[in-house]
Amino acid sequence: MNLSFDEYKALETSIFNFVQQATRTQMQNSLALPIENQILCFYKNTTGQIQIIRISNIAHSYFEQVVFPGEQMLFEAFPQAELEIHMDSTTGATLTNKILCSNLQVYG
């Protein structure tokens, strides 16, 4: 793919803005649920695009992380938490999928 200088700069700016939004990563322990109820989860970005994964449906708890193409992640979450997958689009980050964390649990 050959990009003109202007197209390259626009793409660079779009990626920079997307990653900058994701760097506002926050993670707080939940006060409502005991931490020992968390499970170990696995997620892999199988796309060719940078993603932002986010958990925001648990009270007093928030998780957000940038995941690069091919990157694999291990994280702890509550089984009822929903992992949101956001990808860059022409209108900004767009929610593309939601996965229940109990479906991402690592057994061992």
N, C-alpha and C. Protein backbone atom coordinates (compact mmCIF):
# COMPACT_ATOMS: atom_id res chain seq x y z
N MET A 1 0.86 -1.17 0.00
CA MET A 1 0.00 0.00 0.00
C MET A 1 0.90 1.23 0.00
N ASN A 2 0.70 2.10 -0.95
CA ASN A 2 1.47 3.33 -1.05
C ASN A 2 0.59 4.49 -0.63
N LEU A 3 1.07 5.23 0.34
CA LEU A 3 0.32 6.39 0.85
C LEU A 3 1.05 7.66 0.48
N SER A 4 0.26 8.67 0.17
CA SER A 4 0.86 9.99 -0.03
C SER A 4 1.29 10.52 1.33
N PHE A 5 2.07 11.57 1.33
CA PHE A 5 2.52 12.17 2.58
C PHE A 5 1.33 12.61 3.44
N ASP A 6 0.34 13.24 2.82
CA ASP A 6 -0.84 13.70 3.55
C ASP A 6 -1.63 12.53 4.13
N GLU A 7 -1.78 11.45 3.35
CA GLU A 7 -2.48 10.26 3.85
C GLU A 7 -1.72 9.63 5.01
N TYR A 8 -0.39 9.58 4.89
CA TYR A 8 0.44 9.03 5.95
C TYR A 8 0.29 9.86 7.23
N LYS A 9 0.34 11.18 7.11
CA LYS A 9 0.21 12.05 8.29
C LYS A 9 -1.17 11.89 8.93
N ALA A 10 -2.21 11.77 8.10
CA ALA A 10 -3.57 11.59 8.63
C ALA A 10 -3.68 10.25 9.37
N LEU A 11 -3.09 9.20 8.81
CA LEU A 11 -3.09 7.89 9.46
C LEU A 11 -2.30 7.94 10.76
N GLU A 12 -1.16 8.59 10.73
CA GLU A 12 -0.33 8.73 11.92
C GLU A 12 -1.09 9.47 13.02
N THR A 13 -1.77 10.53 12.66
CA THR A 13 -2.56 11.31 13.63
C THR A 13 -3.70 10.48 14.19
N SER A 14 -4.37 9.72 13.33
CA SER A 14 -5.48 8.87 13.77
C SER A 14 -4.99 7.81 14.76
N ILE A 15 -3.88 7.17 14.46
CA ILE A 15 -3.32 6.15 15.37
C ILE A 15 -2.87 6.81 16.66
N PHE A 16 -2.23 7.97 16.58
CA PHE A 16 -1.79 8.67 17.79
C PHE A 16 -2.97 8.99 18.68
N ASN A 17 -4.05 9.52 18.10
CA ASN A 17 -5.24 9.86 18.89
C ASN A 17 -5.87 8.63 19.50
N PHE A 18 -5.92 7.54 18.74
CA PHE A 18 -6.49 6.28 19.23
C PHE A 18 -5.69 5.76 20.43
N VAL A 19 -4.38 5.73 20.30
CA VAL A 19 -3.52 5.24 21.39
C VAL A 19 -3.55 6.21 22.56
N GLN A 20 -3.59 7.50 22.30
CA GLN A 20 -3.64 8.49 23.38
C GLN A 20 -4.90 8.30 24.22
N GLN A 21 -6.02 8.02 23.55
CA GLN A 21 -7.26 7.77 24.28
C GLN A 21 -7.10 6.54 25.17
N ALA A 22 -6.44 5.54 24.66
CA ALA A 22 -6.29 4.29 25.40
C ALA A 22 -5.28 4.40 26.54
N THR A 23 -4.39 5.36 26.48
CA THR A 23 -3.38 5.46 27.53
C THR A 23 -3.95 6.02 28.82
N ARG A 24 -5.21 6.40 28.78
CA ARG A 24 -5.86 6.83 30.00
C ARG A 24 -6.28 5.60 30.82
N THR A 25 -5.40 4.62 30.81
CA THR A 25 -5.69 3.35 31.48
C THR A 25 -5.84 3.56 32.97
N GLN A 26 -6.92 3.02 33.48
CA GLN A 26 -7.19 3.09 34.90
C GLN A 26 -7.56 1.71 35.39
N MET A 27 -7.10 1.37 36.54
CA MET A 27 -7.49 0.09 37.12
C MET A 27 -7.65 0.30 38.61
N GLN A 28 -8.83 0.04 39.11
CA GLN A 28 -9.12 0.20 40.52
C GLN A 28 -9.67 -1.10 41.05
N ASN A 29 -9.33 -1.43 42.27
CA ASN A 29 -9.90 -2.63 42.89
C ASN A 29 -11.36 -2.38 43.21
N SER A 30 -12.15 -3.40 43.03
CA SER A 30 -13.57 -3.29 43.34
C SER A 30 -13.77 -3.31 44.84
N LEU A 31 -14.60 -2.40 45.33
CA LEU A 31 -14.94 -2.37 46.74
C LEU A 31 -16.15 -3.24 47.01
N ALA A 32 -16.95 -3.51 45.97
CA ALA A 32 -18.20 -4.24 46.14
C ALA A 32 -18.00 -5.75 46.11
N LEU A 33 -16.98 -6.24 45.40
CA LEU A 33 -16.78 -7.68 45.25
C LEU A 33 -15.42 -8.07 45.81
N PRO A 34 -15.35 -9.18 46.56
CA PRO A 34 -14.06 -9.62 47.10
C PRO A 34 -13.08 -9.98 45.98
N ILE A 35 -11.84 -9.56 46.12
CA ILE A 35 -10.84 -9.77 45.08
C ILE A 35 -10.56 -11.26 44.84
N GLU A 36 -10.78 -12.10 45.85
CA GLU A 36 -10.52 -13.54 45.68
C GLU A 36 -11.52 -14.20 44.74
N ASN A 37 -12.59 -13.51 44.36
CA ASN A 37 -13.57 -14.05 43.41
C ASN A 37 -13.16 -13.81 41.96
N GLN A 38 -12.03 -13.14 41.75
CA GLN A 38 -11.59 -12.88 40.39
C GLN A 38 -11.02 -14.16 39.76
N ILE A 39 -11.09 -14.22 38.43
CA ILE A 39 -10.56 -15.36 37.68
C ILE A 39 -9.46 -14.87 36.75
N LEU A 40 -8.58 -15.76 36.34
CA LEU A 40 -7.53 -15.44 35.37
C LEU A 40 -8.12 -15.61 33.98
N CYS A 41 -7.95 -14.58 33.15
CA CYS A 41 -8.52 -14.56 31.80
C CYS A 41 -7.43 -14.39 30.76
N PHE A 42 -7.70 -14.86 29.55
CA PHE A 42 -6.77 -14.75 28.42
C PHE A 42 -7.49 -14.12 27.24
N TYR A 43 -6.82 -13.16 26.59
CA TYR A 43 -7.35 -12.56 25.37
C TYR A 43 -6.20 -12.35 24.39
N LYS A 44 -6.46 -12.60 23.10
CA LYS A 44 -5.47 -12.35 22.05
C LYS A 44 -6.12 -11.52 20.95
N ASN A 45 -5.43 -10.47 20.54
CA ASN A 45 -5.87 -9.63 19.42
C ASN A 45 -5.46 -10.35 18.14
N THR A 46 -6.42 -10.97 17.48
CA THR A 46 -6.14 -11.72 16.25
C THR A 46 -6.34 -10.88 14.99
N THR A 47 -6.60 -9.58 15.18
CA THR A 47 -6.80 -8.70 14.03
C THR A 47 -5.48 -8.02 13.65
N GLY A 48 -5.52 -7.28 12.59
CA GLY A 48 -4.37 -6.49 12.16
C GLY A 48 -4.44 -5.06 12.65
N GLN A 49 -5.34 -4.78 13.59
CA GLN A 49 -5.53 -3.41 14.07
C GLN A 49 -5.26 -3.33 15.58
N ILE A 50 -4.86 -2.13 16.02
CA ILE A 50 -4.73 -1.86 17.44
C ILE A 50 -6.13 -1.85 18.05
N GLN A 51 -6.24 -2.47 19.22
CA GLN A 51 -7.52 -2.51 19.91
C GLN A 51 -7.37 -1.89 21.29
N ILE A 52 -8.48 -1.43 21.83
CA ILE A 52 -8.56 -1.06 23.24
C ILE A 52 -9.54 -2.03 23.87
N ILE A 53 -9.08 -2.75 24.90
CA ILE A 53 -9.99 -3.62 25.63
C ILE A 53 -10.35 -2.92 26.93
N ARG A 54 -11.61 -3.11 27.34
CA ARG A 54 -12.10 -2.34 28.48
C ARG A 54 -13.12 -3.18 29.25
N ILE A 55 -13.06 -3.08 30.57
CA ILE A 55 -14.10 -3.63 31.43
C ILE A 55 -14.64 -2.46 32.24
N SER A 56 -15.94 -2.20 32.10
CA SER A 56 -16.51 -1.06 32.81
C SER A 56 -17.86 -1.37 33.44
N ASN A 57 -18.30 -2.63 33.37
CA ASN A 57 -19.64 -2.94 33.89
C ASN A 57 -19.63 -3.41 35.35
N ILE A 58 -18.49 -3.34 36.03
CA ILE A 58 -18.39 -3.74 37.44
C ILE A 58 -18.27 -2.46 38.28
N ALA A 59 -19.16 -2.32 39.26
CA ALA A 59 -19.16 -1.13 40.11
C ALA A 59 -17.81 -0.97 40.82
N HIS A 60 -17.32 0.24 40.89
CA HIS A 60 -16.07 0.60 41.58
C HIS A 60 -14.84 -0.08 40.98
N SER A 61 -14.93 -0.52 39.75
CA SER A 61 -13.81 -1.19 39.10
C SER A 61 -13.76 -0.76 37.64
N TYR A 62 -12.54 -0.57 37.11
CA TYR A 62 -12.39 -0.16 35.73
C TYR A 62 -11.05 -0.68 35.22
N PHE A 63 -11.04 -1.22 34.01
CA PHE A 63 -9.82 -1.73 33.39
C PHE A 63 -9.84 -1.32 31.93
N GLU A 64 -8.71 -0.81 31.45
CA GLU A 64 -8.57 -0.43 30.05
C GLU A 64 -7.13 -0.66 29.63
N GLN A 65 -6.94 -1.24 28.44
CA GLN A 65 -5.59 -1.57 27.99
C GLN A 65 -5.52 -1.53 26.47
N VAL A 66 -4.42 -1.03 25.92
CA VAL A 66 -4.15 -1.09 24.49
C VAL A 66 -3.61 -2.48 24.18
N VAL A 67 -4.13 -3.10 23.11
CA VAL A 67 -3.66 -4.42 22.70
C VAL A 67 -3.27 -4.33 21.22
N PHE A 68 -2.01 -4.57 20.93
CA PHE A 68 -1.50 -4.48 19.57
C PHE A 68 -1.80 -5.77 18.80
N PRO A 69 -1.80 -5.71 17.46
CA PRO A 69 -2.08 -6.90 16.65
C PRO A 69 -1.17 -8.07 17.06
N GLY A 70 -1.80 -9.23 17.30
CA GLY A 70 -1.06 -10.43 17.69
C GLY A 70 -0.70 -10.51 19.16
N GLU A 71 -0.90 -9.43 19.90
CA GLU A 71 -0.55 -9.42 21.33
C GLU A 71 -1.51 -10.28 22.13
N GLN A 72 -0.95 -10.96 23.14
CA GLN A 72 -1.74 -11.81 24.03
C GLN A 72 -1.74 -11.19 25.42
N MET A 73 -2.87 -11.29 26.10
CA MET A 73 -3.01 -10.66 27.42
C MET A 73 -3.54 -11.66 28.44
N LEU A 74 -2.95 -11.64 29.61
CA LEU A 74 -3.51 -12.32 30.78
C LEU A 74 -3.94 -11.22 31.74
N PHE A 75 -5.12 -11.36 32.32
CA PHE A 75 -5.60 -10.36 33.27
C PHE A 75 -6.58 -11.04 34.22
N GLU A 76 -6.78 -10.41 35.36
CA GLU A 76 -7.75 -10.91 36.32
C GLU A 76 -9.01 -10.07 36.26
N ALA A 77 -10.15 -10.75 36.36
CA ALA A 77 -11.44 -10.06 36.30
C ALA A 77 -12.48 -10.91 37.02
N PHE A 78 -13.61 -10.31 37.27
CA PHE A 78 -14.72 -11.06 37.85
C PHE A 78 -15.43 -11.82 36.73
N PRO A 79 -15.94 -13.02 37.01
CA PRO A 79 -16.57 -13.83 35.96
C PRO A 79 -17.70 -13.10 35.22
N GLN A 80 -18.43 -12.25 35.92
CA GLN A 80 -19.56 -11.55 35.30
C GLN A 80 -19.15 -10.28 34.56
N ALA A 81 -17.87 -9.95 34.58
CA ALA A 81 -17.39 -8.77 33.86
C ALA A 81 -17.47 -9.01 32.35
N GLU A 82 -17.73 -7.93 31.62
CA GLU A 82 -17.78 -7.99 30.16
C GLU A 82 -16.57 -7.27 29.59
N LEU A 83 -15.79 -7.99 28.79
CA LEU A 83 -14.65 -7.39 28.11
C LEU A 83 -15.15 -6.75 26.82
N GLU A 84 -15.01 -5.42 26.73
CA GLU A 84 -15.40 -4.70 25.52
C GLU A 84 -14.19 -4.57 24.62
N ILE A 85 -14.37 -4.81 23.34
CA ILE A 85 -13.30 -4.68 22.36
C ILE A 85 -13.62 -3.46 21.50
N HIS A 86 -12.73 -2.48 21.52
CA HIS A 86 -12.90 -1.25 20.73
C HIS A 86 -11.79 -1.19 19.69
N MET A 87 -12.16 -0.79 18.45
CA MET A 87 -11.18 -0.63 17.39
C MET A 87 -11.34 0.74 16.76
N ASP A 88 -10.26 1.25 16.18
CA ASP A 88 -10.26 2.56 15.54
C ASP A 88 -11.12 2.53 14.28
N SER A 89 -11.86 3.58 14.08
CA SER A 89 -12.63 3.75 12.85
C SER A 89 -12.53 5.21 12.44
N THR A 90 -13.15 5.55 11.35
CA THR A 90 -13.08 6.93 10.87
C THR A 90 -13.75 7.91 11.83
N THR A 91 -14.65 7.41 12.68
CA THR A 91 -15.34 8.28 13.64
C THR A 91 -14.77 8.16 15.04
N GLY A 92 -13.65 7.48 15.20
CA GLY A 92 -13.04 7.28 16.52
C GLY A 92 -13.11 5.83 16.92
N ALA A 93 -12.87 5.55 18.18
CA ALA A 93 -12.92 4.17 18.67
C ALA A 93 -14.36 3.68 18.65
N THR A 94 -14.57 2.48 18.11
CA THR A 94 -15.89 1.90 17.98
C THR A 94 -15.94 0.56 18.70
N LEU A 95 -16.99 0.35 19.50
CA LEU A 95 -17.19 -0.92 20.17
C LEU A 95 -17.52 -1.97 19.12
N THR A 96 -16.69 -3.03 19.03
CA THR A 96 -16.90 -4.05 18.01
C THR A 96 -17.35 -5.38 18.58
N ASN A 97 -17.13 -5.61 19.88
CA ASN A 97 -17.50 -6.90 20.46
C ASN A 97 -17.54 -6.79 21.98
N LYS A 98 -18.32 -7.66 22.61
CA LYS A 98 -18.34 -7.82 24.06
C LYS A 98 -18.23 -9.31 24.35
N ILE A 99 -17.36 -9.67 25.30
CA ILE A 99 -17.15 -11.07 25.66
C ILE A 99 -17.25 -11.19 27.17
N LEU A 100 -18.06 -12.10 27.65
CA LEU A 100 -18.17 -12.35 29.08
C LEU A 100 -16.86 -12.96 29.57
N CYS A 101 -16.29 -12.41 30.63
CA CYS A 101 -14.97 -12.86 31.10
C CYS A 101 -14.97 -14.33 31.53
N SER A 102 -16.11 -14.84 31.96
CA SER A 102 -16.16 -16.28 32.30
C SER A 102 -15.85 -17.13 31.08
N ASN A 103 -16.08 -16.61 29.87
CA ASN A 103 -15.74 -17.33 28.64
C ASN A 103 -14.26 -17.22 28.29
N LEU A 104 -13.54 -16.36 28.96
CA LEU A 104 -12.10 -16.16 28.71
C LEU A 104 -11.24 -16.79 29.80
N GLN A 105 -11.88 -17.49 30.74
CA GLN A 105 -11.17 -18.02 31.91
C GLN A 105 -10.11 -19.05 31.50
N VAL A 106 -8.95 -18.95 32.16
CA VAL A 106 -7.85 -19.90 31.96
C VAL A 106 -7.99 -20.98 33.04
N TYR A 107 -8.02 -22.21 32.60
CA TYR A 107 -8.09 -23.33 33.54
C TYR A 107 -6.74 -24.00 33.58
N GLY A 108 -6.32 -24.43 34.73
CA GLY A 108 -5.01 -25.07 34.79
C GLY A 108 -4.87 -25.86 35.99
